Amino acid sequence: MQLRGGSSKGLYFRAADLPDDPAVRKQVLLAAMAGVGPDDRRQIDGLGGADPLTSKVAIVSPSQRPGADLDYEFVQVVVGANTTDGTQNCGNLLAGVVPFAIEAGLLPATANETCARVFLVNSESICEVVVQTPGGRVNYAGSTRIDGAPGTGAPILCNYLDTAGSACGSLLPTARLVDAIDGVHVTCLDNGMPVVLLRAADLGRTGAEAPEVLNTDTALKSRLESIRLQAGPLMNLGDVKAKVVPKMCLISPPRHGGIIHTRTFIPHVCHAAIGVLGAVSVATACVLPGTVADGVAQLPAGSQAYSVEHPSGEFTVTLEIDRGGPTPEVRRAGLVRTARLLSRGEVLIPEGIWDGKTGR
C-alpha cells in the first residue's frame, strides 16, 4: 500500500511479503521505488517521487517482542545513489503504520480508537500510537491540520518512549553540549534522530532563507558537509559519507511565536518542513541549558508544548521533562500527525531481481 504519513509519503509492505535475504530485499525495494535503470534520480521507473520525502519504505509485521504489538522498520531509498539507508527512524511514516496494519489484517481494530505499541526496529525503542477507528475501521477524515501536508485529517497521537540515543547510544554522543568543528560551534544530539545544530548566524546566514535558495548555496552546503562528515565519527555513527544521518539543522530566533526557527538538511537537500524526530531532537536541545540553542531559543513559561518553526509552518512537540537532576531529562515526547491511505495493489518487480539472479 502507499500512504501519506505526516508530511511524507511511502510504500508500506508486510514483512512476510518481502524476500528473507537482506541483499535481495534491498534490491527489491530499490526496484520498487526507483526502478532498474542506471540513474534513479528521477525514479520514473519506480513508485518514488524523486524527493527524499517521497522515497521511503515502511516494513511492518506483528511483533513477537514483549510489550509490543507491531514491528516497524524504516528504509530510506537514497535518491540518485542506488542504495538504501536504515540508520534512522521516520516519525512521519510511523503515523501510517497502525492504519496500514489494520488495513492489511496485521492488527485488529477496536471500537472508537485503537492503541498499539510499535517497536521501532531501527532504534530499538517503543512508540505508543493511537488511531481513530469508529466502527472498527480506520478513520482518515478529520479537522486536524499539520504543516507540510495539505488539507486536514483525523489526529494520530504518537507518544515516543525512551528515544534518547536511538542511533548514537546516548543523548549527547560526544559527551559535550557544544563542540567546535571547522571553527563553528555545534551541538550534536540524538533524541530519536541524530542532529547537528548550528546557529545560522555563525555561518553568515539569517536562517530564514527559502529552501530553494539554500539548495543552490553551494558554499554553505560544502561547509555543512565538511562538518557533517567530521561529526559522524564523533557521534558514534562512523563514516557517514553514504548515510543520511546526521541531519544538519540551522537554527535562528523564532519569528512566528515558536521556540526556534529551523532549516534542516536531510542531509544535502533543505527540508520543506522538518522531520518528526528531528523536531523532537531540536526541541530537546532548546530545553537543555548550554547548547548552541541557549540564547537563541525562546521557551514558554509553564508549558510542555514546544513549537518548532520550519519553512512551511511549525511543528509542536510535547515534552515530558524531569527537572530533578543536574540537567533536564526528557522522559516522553508526544506529537500529533495525520495519515491517508492513497492506494493499494501490486508493485511489479523484475523476476531476475526477485530471485536474486540479477543485480542493479
Protein backbone atom coordinates (compact mmCIF):
# COMPACT_ATOMS: atom_id res chain seq x y z
CA MET A 1 0.00 0.00 0.00
CA GLN A 2 1.01 3.61 -0.43
CA LEU A 3 0.18 6.02 2.37
CA ARG A 4 0.90 9.60 3.21
CA GLY A 5 2.28 9.58 6.71
CA GLY A 6 2.58 13.06 8.22
CA SER A 7 4.42 15.21 5.69
CA SER A 8 6.00 12.24 3.89
CA LYS A 9 4.80 9.51 1.56
CA GLY A 10 5.98 5.94 1.26
CA LEU A 11 5.38 2.34 0.31
CA TYR A 12 4.23 0.08 3.16
CA PHE A 13 4.97 -3.65 2.99
CA ARG A 14 4.13 -6.62 5.17
CA ALA A 15 7.49 -8.08 6.15
CA ALA A 16 6.25 -11.58 5.20
CA ASP A 17 5.69 -10.42 1.61
CA LEU A 18 9.34 -9.48 1.09
CA PRO A 19 12.33 -11.79 0.46
CA ASP A 20 14.09 -13.07 3.59
CA ASP A 21 17.59 -12.50 2.18
CA PRO A 22 18.61 -8.93 3.18
CA ALA A 23 20.62 -8.36 -0.01
CA VAL A 24 17.76 -9.47 -2.26
CA ARG A 25 15.25 -7.48 -0.22
CA LYS A 26 17.35 -4.36 -0.67
CA GLN A 27 17.34 -4.81 -4.45
CA VAL A 28 13.58 -5.39 -4.42
CA LEU A 29 12.98 -2.16 -2.51
CA LEU A 30 15.28 -0.24 -4.84
CA ALA A 31 13.40 -1.61 -7.85
CA ALA A 32 10.01 -0.84 -6.30
CA MET A 33 10.92 2.74 -5.51
CA ALA A 34 13.47 3.75 -8.13
CA GLY A 35 13.24 1.20 -10.94
CA VAL A 36 16.06 -0.71 -12.57
CA GLY A 37 17.77 1.89 -14.72
CA PRO A 38 21.36 3.05 -14.15
CA ASP A 39 20.22 6.51 -12.98
CA ASP A 40 17.35 6.51 -10.48
CA ARG A 41 17.41 10.21 -9.65
CA ARG A 42 14.09 10.81 -11.39
CA GLN A 43 12.66 7.46 -10.19
CA ILE A 44 10.45 7.34 -13.27
CA ASP A 45 10.79 3.53 -13.48
CA GLY A 46 9.55 3.10 -9.91
CA LEU A 47 6.98 4.48 -7.50
CA GLY A 48 9.21 7.05 -5.80
CA GLY A 49 8.70 10.78 -6.16
CA ALA A 50 12.32 11.81 -6.79
CA ASP A 51 12.48 13.50 -3.38
CA PRO A 52 13.76 12.22 -0.01
CA LEU A 53 10.30 12.79 1.50
CA THR A 54 8.64 10.50 -1.05
CA SER A 55 11.38 7.87 -1.39
CA LYS A 56 10.60 5.99 1.82
CA VAL A 57 9.60 2.46 2.80
CA ALA A 58 7.90 1.04 5.90
CA ILE A 59 8.15 -2.70 6.64
CA VAL A 60 5.56 -3.88 9.16
CA SER A 61 4.89 -7.15 10.96
CA PRO A 62 3.17 -8.42 14.12
CA SER A 63 5.67 -8.20 16.95
CA GLN A 64 6.91 -11.17 18.96
CA ARG A 65 8.55 -8.84 21.48
CA PRO A 66 7.12 -8.45 24.98
CA GLY A 67 5.22 -5.19 25.33
CA ALA A 68 4.94 -4.51 21.59
CA ASP A 69 2.11 -5.10 19.12
CA LEU A 70 3.89 -4.31 15.85
CA ASP A 71 7.42 -4.12 14.49
CA TYR A 72 8.18 -1.24 12.11
CA GLU A 73 11.40 -1.00 10.14
CA PHE A 74 12.08 2.16 8.16
CA VAL A 75 14.15 2.19 4.97
CA GLN A 76 15.21 5.37 3.20
CA VAL A 77 15.81 4.81 -0.51
CA VAL A 78 18.50 7.37 -1.22
CA VAL A 79 17.55 9.34 -4.32
CA GLY A 80 20.17 9.12 -7.04
CA ALA A 81 22.52 6.87 -5.06
CA ASN A 82 21.20 3.36 -5.86
CA THR A 83 21.29 2.44 -2.20
CA THR A 84 19.21 2.35 0.96
CA ASP A 85 19.80 3.59 4.50
CA GLY A 86 18.30 2.09 7.65
CA THR A 87 20.24 4.15 10.19
CA GLN A 88 17.37 6.38 11.23
CA ASN A 89 13.70 6.23 12.13
CA CYS A 90 10.97 8.09 10.28
CA GLY A 91 8.31 9.52 12.55
CA ASN A 92 6.21 10.68 9.61
CA LEU A 93 5.81 7.21 8.09
CA LEU A 94 5.20 5.91 11.61
CA ALA A 95 1.86 7.75 11.51
CA GLY A 96 0.74 5.33 8.80
CA VAL A 97 1.98 2.12 10.42
CA VAL A 98 -1.07 1.33 12.58
CA PRO A 99 -3.57 2.29 9.82
CA PHE A 100 -1.63 0.07 7.40
CA ALA A 101 -1.51 -2.81 9.90
CA ILE A 102 -5.28 -2.64 10.36
CA GLU A 103 -5.92 -2.37 6.60
CA ALA A 104 -3.54 -5.29 5.95
CA GLY A 105 -5.05 -7.56 8.61
CA LEU A 106 -2.00 -7.48 10.86
CA LEU A 107 -3.78 -5.82 13.79
CA PRO A 108 -7.44 -5.93 14.87
CA ALA A 109 -9.15 -2.59 15.29
CA THR A 110 -11.07 -1.82 18.46
CA ALA A 111 -14.15 0.33 18.90
CA ASN A 112 -13.72 4.12 18.65
CA GLU A 113 -9.92 4.12 18.76
CA THR A 114 -7.08 1.63 18.50
CA CYS A 115 -3.94 1.99 20.62
CA ALA A 116 -0.87 -0.02 19.60
CA ARG A 117 2.68 -0.13 20.89
CA VAL A 118 5.01 -0.05 17.90
CA PHE A 119 8.58 -1.32 18.20
CA LEU A 120 10.86 0.87 16.09
CA VAL A 121 13.35 -1.63 14.68
CA ASN A 122 15.88 1.00 13.61
CA SER A 123 16.31 2.43 17.11
CA GLU A 124 15.00 -0.47 19.24
CA SER A 125 12.54 1.82 21.01
CA ILE A 126 8.79 1.95 21.54
CA CYS A 127 6.16 4.43 20.39
CA GLU A 128 2.55 4.29 21.53
CA VAL A 129 0.29 5.18 18.59
CA VAL A 130 -3.43 5.97 18.90
CA VAL A 131 -5.62 5.89 15.76
CA GLN A 132 -9.32 6.68 15.43
CA THR A 133 -11.26 3.54 14.43
CA PRO A 134 -15.00 4.17 14.79
CA GLY A 135 -16.95 1.04 13.93
CA GLY A 136 -13.70 -0.92 13.71
CA ARG A 137 -12.47 0.92 10.59
CA VAL A 138 -9.66 3.43 10.24
CA ASN A 139 -10.93 6.98 10.03
CA TYR A 140 -8.73 9.23 7.90
CA ALA A 141 -11.04 12.27 7.76
CA GLY A 142 -10.94 15.00 10.38
CA SER A 143 -10.18 18.61 11.16
CA THR A 144 -6.55 18.24 12.31
CA ARG A 145 -4.12 20.22 10.21
CA ILE A 146 -0.36 19.69 10.18
CA ASP A 147 2.05 21.99 8.42
CA GLY A 148 3.84 20.36 5.50
CA ALA A 149 0.78 18.35 4.40
CA PRO A 150 -2.28 19.60 2.50
CA GLY A 151 -5.79 19.59 3.90
CA THR A 152 -6.86 18.10 7.21
CA GLY A 153 -7.25 14.63 8.66
CA ALA A 154 -8.03 12.59 11.73
CA PRO A 155 -5.46 13.06 14.50
CA ILE A 156 -2.97 10.27 15.12
CA LEU A 157 -1.28 10.51 18.51
CA CYS A 158 2.34 9.37 18.76
CA ASN A 159 3.94 9.10 22.21
CA TYR A 160 7.64 8.27 21.96
CA LEU A 161 9.23 6.47 24.89
CA ASP A 162 12.96 6.27 25.64
CA THR A 163 14.19 7.77 22.37
CA ALA A 164 17.42 9.25 23.77
CA GLY A 165 20.44 7.84 21.95
CA SER A 166 18.35 5.95 19.41
CA ALA A 167 21.15 5.76 16.84
CA CYS A 168 24.16 7.18 18.67
CA GLY A 169 23.89 5.39 22.02
CA SER A 170 23.35 8.50 24.15
CA LEU A 171 21.52 11.81 24.09
CA LEU A 172 24.80 13.73 23.81
CA PRO A 173 27.01 11.30 21.89
CA THR A 174 30.12 13.48 22.10
CA ALA A 175 29.52 13.86 25.88
CA ARG A 176 29.61 17.64 25.37
CA LEU A 177 26.90 20.26 25.00
CA VAL A 178 28.96 22.15 22.43
CA ASP A 179 31.72 21.06 20.06
CA ALA A 180 33.78 23.14 17.65
CA ILE A 181 34.13 21.72 14.12
CA ASP A 182 35.81 23.76 11.40
CA GLY A 183 35.70 26.71 13.78
CA VAL A 184 31.89 26.53 14.11
CA HIS A 185 30.15 25.81 17.40
CA VAL A 186 27.70 22.90 17.10
CA THR A 187 25.58 20.72 19.35
CA CYS A 188 25.43 17.04 18.45
CA LEU A 189 22.30 15.44 19.87
CA ASP A 190 20.18 12.32 19.39
CA ASN A 191 16.71 12.15 20.91
CA GLY A 192 15.18 9.97 18.23
CA MET A 193 17.14 11.48 15.33
CA PRO A 194 20.87 12.28 15.16
CA VAL A 195 21.06 16.03 14.55
CA VAL A 196 23.86 18.58 14.38
CA LEU A 197 22.57 22.02 15.37
CA LEU A 198 24.35 25.15 14.16
CA ARG A 199 23.49 28.82 14.63
CA ALA A 200 22.69 30.21 11.18
CA ALA A 201 24.38 33.49 12.09
CA ASP A 202 27.65 31.65 12.70
CA LEU A 203 27.59 30.65 9.03
CA GLY A 204 26.68 34.11 7.79
CA ARG A 205 23.04 33.24 7.08
CA THR A 206 19.78 34.50 8.58
CA GLY A 207 18.20 31.08 8.89
CA ALA A 208 15.06 32.37 7.17
CA GLU A 209 16.22 31.76 3.58
CA ALA A 210 13.83 29.76 1.42
CA PRO A 211 14.77 26.09 0.91
CA GLU A 212 15.22 26.61 -2.83
CA VAL A 213 17.72 29.38 -2.10
CA LEU A 214 19.67 27.23 0.34
CA ASN A 215 19.66 24.31 -2.10
CA THR A 216 21.66 26.44 -4.56
CA ASP A 217 24.01 27.80 -1.89
CA THR A 218 26.96 25.61 -2.78
CA ALA A 219 29.35 27.35 -0.38
CA LEU A 220 27.06 26.72 2.58
CA LYS A 221 26.35 23.13 1.58
CA SER A 222 30.07 22.46 1.25
CA ARG A 223 30.72 23.77 4.78
CA LEU A 224 27.81 21.77 6.19
CA GLU A 225 29.02 18.56 4.56
CA SER A 226 32.53 19.05 5.89
CA ILE A 227 31.14 19.48 9.40
CA ARG A 228 28.76 16.52 8.96
CA LEU A 229 31.50 14.15 7.87
CA GLN A 230 33.56 15.08 10.94
CA ALA A 231 30.56 14.90 13.27
CA GLY A 232 29.68 11.36 12.18
CA PRO A 233 32.54 9.57 13.98
CA LEU A 234 32.19 11.89 16.98
CA MET A 235 28.53 10.82 17.26
CA ASN A 236 29.39 7.10 17.06
CA LEU A 237 27.90 6.89 13.57
CA GLY A 238 31.17 6.06 11.83
CA ASP A 239 31.78 7.16 8.26
CA VAL A 240 28.57 8.96 7.25
CA LYS A 241 29.53 9.85 3.68
CA ALA A 242 26.93 7.41 2.30
CA LYS A 243 24.45 7.84 5.18
CA VAL A 244 21.51 10.22 5.55
CA VAL A 245 22.36 10.99 9.18
CA PRO A 246 23.19 13.11 10.99
CA LYS A 247 20.77 15.77 9.82
CA MET A 248 22.18 19.30 9.76
CA CYS A 249 19.93 21.95 11.29
CA LEU A 250 20.44 25.70 11.07
CA ILE A 251 18.74 27.49 13.96
CA SER A 252 17.81 31.13 14.44
CA PRO A 253 15.48 33.10 16.75
CA PRO A 254 11.77 32.32 16.32
CA ARG A 255 9.76 34.56 14.04
CA HIS A 256 6.19 33.35 14.48
CA GLY A 257 5.73 32.71 18.20
CA GLY A 258 7.54 29.38 18.38
CA ILE A 259 10.64 28.48 20.36
CA ILE A 260 13.13 28.29 17.48
CA HIS A 261 13.31 28.79 13.70
CA THR A 262 14.90 25.99 11.64
CA ARG A 263 16.29 24.96 8.28
CA THR A 264 17.12 21.25 8.15
CA PHE A 265 19.26 19.47 5.56
CA ILE A 266 18.44 15.77 5.06
CA PRO A 267 21.39 15.70 4.67
CA HIS A 268 22.12 17.54 1.39
CA VAL A 269 18.67 18.87 0.50
CA CYS A 270 16.91 21.50 2.58
CA HIS A 271 13.74 20.03 4.06
CA ALA A 272 10.50 21.77 3.09
CA ALA A 273 9.44 21.31 6.72
CA ILE A 274 11.20 19.31 9.46
CA GLY A 275 11.17 15.62 10.30
CA VAL A 276 9.14 14.37 13.26
CA LEU A 277 12.04 13.05 15.29
CA GLY A 278 14.24 15.84 14.02
CA ALA A 279 11.81 18.26 15.66
CA VAL A 280 11.94 16.23 18.87
CA SER A 281 15.75 16.42 18.92
CA VAL A 282 15.75 20.16 18.14
CA ALA A 283 13.19 20.88 20.87
CA THR A 284 15.26 18.82 23.29
CA ALA A 285 18.36 20.88 22.50
CA CYS A 286 16.35 24.02 23.20
CA VAL A 287 15.43 22.93 26.74
CA LEU A 288 18.98 21.87 27.62
CA PRO A 289 20.99 24.78 29.07
CA GLY A 290 24.37 25.28 27.44
CA THR A 291 23.68 24.06 23.89
CA VAL A 292 24.05 26.28 20.83
CA ALA A 293 20.31 26.94 21.15
CA ASP A 294 20.86 28.63 24.51
CA GLY A 295 20.25 32.34 23.96
CA VAL A 296 18.57 31.71 20.60
CA ALA A 297 15.52 29.71 21.68
CA GLN A 298 12.62 31.40 23.44
CA LEU A 299 10.96 28.91 25.80
CA PRO A 300 7.37 29.35 27.04
CA ALA A 301 6.85 29.57 30.77
CA GLY A 302 4.93 26.75 32.41
CA SER A 303 4.21 24.82 29.20
CA GLN A 304 5.25 21.40 27.93
CA ALA A 305 4.32 22.27 24.33
CA TYR A 306 7.20 23.50 22.18
CA SER A 307 6.59 24.89 18.69
CA VAL A 308 9.49 24.34 16.28
CA GLU A 309 9.22 26.66 13.27
CA HIS A 310 10.18 25.41 9.80
CA PRO A 311 9.86 26.65 6.19
CA SER A 312 6.23 25.62 5.75
CA GLY A 313 4.90 26.31 9.23
CA GLU A 314 5.53 24.85 12.66
CA PHE A 315 5.71 21.51 14.45
CA THR A 316 4.51 21.32 18.05
CA VAL A 317 6.24 18.77 20.25
CA THR A 318 5.11 17.95 23.79
CA LEU A 319 7.99 17.03 26.09
CA GLU A 320 7.57 15.44 29.50
CA ILE A 321 10.67 16.69 31.29
CA ASP A 322 12.18 15.60 34.60
CA ARG A 323 14.00 18.60 36.02
CA GLY A 324 15.03 16.90 39.26
CA GLY A 325 18.61 16.17 38.17
CA PRO A 326 21.55 18.40 37.27
CA THR A 327 20.26 18.65 33.69
CA PRO A 328 16.70 18.26 32.36
CA GLU A 329 15.82 14.74 31.24
CA VAL A 330 13.16 14.10 28.58
CA ARG A 331 11.00 11.14 29.62
CA ARG A 332 8.39 11.22 26.87
CA ALA A 333 7.88 13.07 23.58
CA GLY A 334 4.37 13.39 22.19
CA LEU A 335 3.07 14.78 18.91
CA VAL A 336 0.12 14.70 16.55
CA ARG A 337 0.24 13.56 12.92
CA THR A 338 -2.28 12.61 10.24
CA ALA A 339 -2.17 9.93 7.54
CA ARG A 340 -4.13 8.83 4.49
CA LEU A 341 -4.27 5.62 2.52
CA LEU A 342 -3.53 6.58 -1.09
CA SER A 343 -3.50 3.27 -2.96
CA ARG A 344 -3.30 -0.48 -2.60
CA GLY A 345 -2.26 -3.07 -5.13
CA GLU A 346 0.83 -4.69 -6.65
CA VAL A 347 4.19 -3.23 -7.49
CA LEU A 348 5.87 -5.30 -10.19
CA ILE A 349 9.49 -6.37 -9.59
CA PRO A 350 11.60 -7.81 -12.42
CA GLU A 351 11.90 -11.55 -11.94
CA GLY A 352 15.68 -11.55 -12.05
CA ILE A 353 15.85 -9.15 -9.10
CA TRP A 354 13.27 -11.02 -7.02
CA ASP A 355 15.08 -14.36 -7.33
CA GLY A 356 18.47 -12.76 -6.67
CA LYS A 357 19.97 -13.65 -10.03
CA THR A 358 20.27 -10.08 -11.30
CA GLY A 359 21.86 -7.11 -9.54
CA ARG A 360 21.02 -3.50 -10.21
